Structures are given as C-alpha cells and as structure tokens.
Amino acid sequence: MYLRKSIIALTGLFLCIFLIVHLSANSLLLLPESTARELYNSYSTLLRESILIKIIAYVLYASILLHAGYALLVTIANRRAKAQGYQVNHFRQNSSWTSQNMGLLGIMILLFIVVHLANFWARIKLGIGLEVGVDAQGNKDVYEVAYSLFQNVYYVLFYTVLAIPLGLHLHHGLKSAFKTLGFYHQKGLRLLARISLVYAAIMAIGFGVIPIVVFLK
C-alpha cells in the first residue's frame, strides 16, 4: 500500500509542476489577439518539435495513467478496509469533505482531461476532426483552435466549472503528497498548507478565468 501511495504522491507532484508550466503558457491567451496568436502558436510549435519536450510528454502521459490507476486501487482498498473495520468509525468527523471525496474529484478531473485531449491533442497532433490552419508565420494556428472552442458557452462553462474540483483536489493532494513521502515537520506542514492553498487557488482561478476572458474577446 505504501508503494502505491508513494507513486501517487510522486506522480502528483510531477503533475503539479506541469500545471504551473501549462497555466503559464495558457496565460498567453489573455494577451491581445495579435500578440497572443503569434506567441501561443510559436510556443505550441516548440512543444511539438522539441525532442526533450516529447520525452517529457511521454512521462506526463505515464504519470497521468499511474496516478489515476493507483489512486483507484488505493480507493478500492480503503473502502474494503472501512467495510471490515471498527463498528464505531470517526473517519468523517476527523477528515475534510475533500479528503473523503478525492476519488470523486479525481474522476471529474479525469473527465476534464479526456475532453481537453479530444479538443486539442487529438485534433492538433492526430489530425482528428476539423483541419487546423496555419498562421502568418506558418505555424499551426493552435490559438484559433482555443479561440473557437471558447466561443462556445457550453465549453466555457465546462472548463470553468471543472476548475473548482481541480483546485480542491490540488489543495488536499499537494499537502498529502509530502506527508506520504515522510515529511512531518510541524512548522513545515503549516507552511505547506498555506502554500498548497495559494497554489490550488491560482491554478483553479487561472484555468477557470482564461476561457471566460477568451469568450469575451
């Protein structure tokens, strides 16, 4: 069980780092269109053509699968243990709603990832769906893909609303990851709790606001 939780923690921390980079890149969409299009498309081209980035991408895909897979196994094991545990259980009184529902939050985030990959990765890298055009510099116009998607109010609502479970999952998960890996310094944990809250808020607000801003352009 400890090995599984350690894998969840390590892959989770890697995904937290990835989200910082991903949000930083997506923040380019907040710039005026003339600037945002060129920068965003150039950045996307760099990601597709860099060998190093391709290797990191495979690590990312593996991390998502391992994180989700082992989280599912641990959730099932925990539910079985509770069913066979003490008759008097103070679990609910001693834990937050988020910690009790990390599995549910994870499923919502997994749904978000699947839809996101279908809208961007499958269309841009696999050529599935409408053909992606090119910009004035000859780069694939990924900006247009994002802009067109976020002109659909239903997608805007989907991306914005699901930023909430993302934030909740990150807030609890980041704190728990360090504990799982053996970090129990009391003052450090209090500081980590604050950092986790700030980090989760930035991720949730950032990913939630960008679709709204693009929609209003």
Protein backbone atom coordinates (compact mmCIF):
# COMPACT_ATOMS: atom_id res chain seq x y z
CA MET A 1 0.00 0.00 0.00
CA TYR A 2 2.84 2.39 0.85
CA LEU A 3 4.43 1.85 -2.57
CA ARG A 4 1.15 2.68 -4.29
CA LYS A 5 0.68 5.83 -2.24
CA SER A 6 4.27 6.87 -2.92
CA ILE A 7 3.70 6.50 -6.67
CA ILE A 8 0.52 8.58 -6.37
CA ALA A 9 2.45 11.23 -4.43
CA LEU A 10 5.41 11.40 -6.82
CA THR A 11 3.31 11.46 -9.98
CA GLY A 12 1.02 14.01 -8.35
CA LEU A 13 3.94 16.33 -7.58
CA PHE A 14 5.17 15.98 -11.16
CA LEU A 15 1.69 16.88 -12.44
CA CYS A 16 1.63 19.90 -10.10
CA ILE A 17 4.83 21.17 -11.74
CA PHE A 18 3.38 20.51 -15.19
CA LEU A 19 0.26 22.54 -14.33
CA ILE A 20 2.41 25.56 -13.47
CA VAL A 21 4.07 25.41 -16.90
CA HIS A 22 0.76 24.73 -18.64
CA LEU A 23 -1.03 27.63 -16.95
CA SER A 24 1.89 29.95 -17.70
CA ALA A 25 1.62 29.07 -21.39
CA ASN A 26 -2.16 29.36 -21.44
CA SER A 27 -1.87 32.80 -19.88
CA LEU A 28 -0.64 33.96 -23.30
CA LEU A 29 -4.29 33.67 -24.39
CA LEU A 30 -5.07 36.65 -22.13
CA LEU A 31 -2.94 38.97 -24.27
CA PRO A 32 -4.37 40.98 -27.19
CA GLU A 33 -5.11 38.69 -30.11
CA SER A 34 -2.38 40.00 -32.42
CA THR A 35 0.29 39.25 -29.81
CA ALA A 36 -1.31 36.15 -28.31
CA ARG A 37 -1.72 34.33 -31.63
CA GLU A 38 1.94 34.60 -32.64
CA LEU A 39 3.36 33.77 -29.20
CA TYR A 40 0.94 30.91 -28.48
CA ASN A 41 1.44 29.30 -31.88
CA SER A 42 5.23 29.62 -31.65
CA TYR A 43 5.18 28.04 -28.20
CA SER A 44 2.98 25.19 -29.44
CA THR A 45 5.31 24.56 -32.37
CA LEU A 46 8.27 24.39 -29.98
CA LEU A 47 6.45 21.77 -27.90
CA ARG A 48 5.72 19.60 -30.93
CA GLU A 49 9.21 19.78 -32.43
CA SER A 50 11.47 19.57 -29.36
CA ILE A 51 12.82 16.05 -28.64
CA LEU A 52 13.19 16.90 -24.95
CA ILE A 53 9.58 18.07 -24.73
CA LYS A 54 8.42 14.91 -26.49
CA ILE A 55 10.19 12.80 -23.85
CA ILE A 56 8.63 14.87 -21.07
CA ALA A 57 5.24 14.44 -22.76
CA TYR A 58 5.55 10.65 -22.55
CA VAL A 59 6.49 10.97 -18.88
CA LEU A 60 3.42 13.15 -18.45
CA TYR A 61 1.10 10.59 -20.09
CA ALA A 62 2.60 7.82 -17.95
CA SER A 63 2.21 9.95 -14.81
CA ILE A 64 -1.48 10.57 -15.50
CA LEU A 65 -2.14 6.86 -16.05
CA LEU A 66 -0.15 5.79 -12.99
CA HIS A 67 -1.66 8.49 -10.79
CA ALA A 68 -5.23 7.63 -11.80
CA GLY A 69 -4.69 3.87 -11.80
CA TYR A 70 -3.03 3.61 -8.39
CA ALA A 71 -5.45 6.14 -6.90
CA LEU A 72 -8.30 3.88 -7.99
CA LEU A 73 -6.63 0.83 -6.43
CA VAL A 74 -6.00 2.65 -3.14
CA THR A 75 -9.58 3.98 -3.05
CA ILE A 76 -10.98 0.47 -3.54
CA ALA A 77 -8.67 -0.95 -0.86
CA ASN A 78 -9.64 1.80 1.60
CA ARG A 79 -13.36 1.21 1.06
CA ARG A 80 -12.92 -2.52 1.66
CA ALA A 81 -10.94 -1.81 4.82
CA LYS A 82 -13.64 0.52 6.16
CA ALA A 83 -16.34 -2.04 5.43
CA GLN A 84 -14.44 -4.58 7.54
CA GLY A 85 -13.23 -2.09 10.18
CA TYR A 86 -14.50 -0.88 13.52
CA GLN A 87 -18.20 -0.53 14.15
CA VAL A 88 -17.59 2.93 15.57
CA ASN A 89 -15.73 4.96 13.00
CA HIS A 90 -14.84 8.62 13.46
CA PHE A 91 -13.39 8.95 9.97
CA ARG A 92 -15.92 11.51 8.82
CA GLN A 93 -15.50 13.64 11.93
CA ASN A 94 -11.69 13.65 11.59
CA SER A 95 -11.36 14.40 7.89
CA SER A 96 -12.48 17.08 5.47
CA TRP A 97 -15.06 16.67 2.73
CA THR A 98 -12.27 16.96 0.17
CA SER A 99 -10.22 14.13 1.68
CA GLN A 100 -13.32 11.92 1.80
CA ASN A 101 -14.11 12.59 -1.86
CA MET A 102 -10.71 12.66 -3.57
CA GLY A 103 -11.86 9.77 -5.74
CA LEU A 104 -14.91 11.69 -6.95
CA LEU A 105 -12.83 14.80 -7.58
CA GLY A 106 -10.30 12.68 -9.44
CA ILE A 107 -13.00 11.25 -11.71
CA MET A 108 -14.20 14.77 -12.54
CA ILE A 109 -10.65 15.85 -13.36
CA LEU A 110 -10.14 12.73 -15.48
CA LEU A 111 -13.29 13.66 -17.43
CA PHE A 112 -11.82 17.13 -17.89
CA ILE A 113 -8.56 15.64 -19.21
CA VAL A 114 -10.36 13.37 -21.69
CA VAL A 115 -12.43 16.26 -23.09
CA HIS A 116 -9.37 18.51 -23.19
CA LEU A 117 -7.32 15.92 -25.09
CA ALA A 118 -10.18 15.39 -27.53
CA ASN A 119 -10.44 19.13 -28.18
CA PHE A 120 -6.74 19.87 -28.56
CA TRP A 121 -4.33 16.91 -28.59
CA ALA A 122 -6.42 14.67 -30.87
CA ARG A 123 -7.15 17.47 -33.31
CA ILE A 124 -3.69 19.07 -33.39
CA LYS A 125 -1.38 16.04 -33.10
CA LEU A 126 -3.53 13.28 -34.57
CA GLY A 127 -5.43 15.30 -37.16
CA ILE A 128 -8.83 14.10 -35.92
CA GLY A 129 -11.72 16.46 -36.60
CA LEU A 130 -11.57 19.81 -38.37
CA GLU A 131 -8.28 20.62 -40.05
CA VAL A 132 -6.05 23.05 -38.16
CA GLY A 133 -4.94 26.01 -40.26
CA VAL A 134 -1.64 27.91 -40.15
CA ASP A 135 -0.86 31.47 -39.10
CA ALA A 136 1.16 34.12 -40.92
CA GLN A 137 4.43 32.56 -39.70
CA GLY A 138 3.49 29.12 -41.00
CA ASN A 139 2.86 27.63 -37.56
CA LYS A 140 -0.23 25.56 -36.81
CA ASP A 141 -2.86 28.01 -35.62
CA VAL A 142 -3.45 26.48 -32.20
CA TYR A 143 -4.61 29.87 -30.97
CA GLU A 144 -7.55 29.67 -33.38
CA VAL A 145 -8.41 26.20 -32.04
CA ALA A 146 -8.56 27.57 -28.48
CA TYR A 147 -10.36 30.75 -29.50
CA SER A 148 -13.01 28.88 -31.50
CA LEU A 149 -13.59 26.39 -28.69
CA PHE A 150 -14.10 29.13 -26.12
CA GLN A 151 -16.66 30.90 -28.27
CA ASN A 152 -18.96 28.03 -27.31
CA VAL A 153 -20.57 28.96 -24.00
CA TYR A 154 -21.05 25.30 -23.03
CA TYR A 155 -17.33 24.60 -23.29
CA VAL A 156 -16.60 27.79 -21.36
CA LEU A 157 -18.90 26.62 -18.56
CA PHE A 158 -17.42 23.12 -18.66
CA TYR A 159 -13.82 24.31 -18.34
CA THR A 160 -14.65 26.98 -15.76
CA VAL A 161 -16.81 24.81 -13.50
CA LEU A 162 -14.37 21.89 -13.53
CA ALA A 163 -11.60 24.22 -12.38
CA ILE A 164 -13.29 24.05 -8.94
CA PRO A 165 -12.75 20.30 -8.33
CA LEU A 166 -9.25 20.75 -9.77
CA GLY A 167 -8.47 23.33 -7.09
CA LEU A 168 -9.94 21.19 -4.31
CA HIS A 169 -8.03 18.13 -5.47
CA LEU A 170 -4.76 20.05 -5.69
CA HIS A 171 -5.18 21.68 -2.28
CA HIS A 172 -5.55 18.39 -0.46
CA GLY A 173 -3.32 16.35 -2.76
CA LEU A 174 -0.26 18.61 -2.52
CA LYS A 175 -0.32 18.53 1.29
CA SER A 176 -0.91 14.80 1.39
CA ALA A 177 1.88 14.03 -1.09
CA PHE A 178 4.58 15.41 1.20
CA LYS A 179 3.16 13.56 4.20
CA THR A 180 3.10 10.33 2.24
CA LEU A 181 6.76 10.81 1.36
CA GLY A 182 7.66 11.22 5.05
CA PHE A 183 7.60 14.99 5.60
CA TYR A 184 6.18 15.54 9.11
CA HIS A 185 7.86 18.73 10.34
CA GLN A 186 5.06 20.57 12.16
CA LYS A 187 6.01 24.14 11.22
CA GLY A 188 6.85 22.96 7.72
CA LEU A 189 3.45 21.32 7.37
CA ARG A 190 1.68 24.51 8.43
CA LEU A 191 3.67 26.47 5.84
CA LEU A 192 2.98 23.77 3.28
CA ALA A 193 -0.75 24.01 3.99
CA ARG A 194 -0.66 27.74 3.17
CA ILE A 195 1.42 27.15 0.04
CA SER A 196 -0.98 24.41 -1.07
CA LEU A 197 -3.95 26.73 -0.62
CA VAL A 198 -2.32 29.54 -2.62
CA TYR A 199 -1.14 27.15 -5.33
CA ALA A 200 -4.57 25.50 -5.66
CA ALA A 201 -6.32 28.89 -5.77
CA ILE A 202 -4.00 30.17 -8.52
CA MET A 203 -4.48 27.01 -10.60
CA ALA A 204 -8.26 26.97 -10.19
CA ILE A 205 -8.73 30.69 -10.83
CA GLY A 206 -6.25 30.72 -13.69
CA PHE A 207 -7.70 27.77 -15.60
CA GLY A 208 -11.23 28.92 -14.80
CA VAL A 209 -10.83 32.54 -15.88
CA ILE A 210 -8.96 32.04 -19.17
CA PRO A 211 -11.96 30.52 -21.04
CA ILE A 212 -14.15 33.41 -19.85
CA VAL A 213 -11.64 36.05 -21.00
CA VAL A 214 -11.24 34.40 -24.42
CA PHE A 215 -15.03 34.16 -24.74
CA LEU A 216 -15.36 37.89 -24.08
CA LYS A 217 -12.67 38.91 -26.59
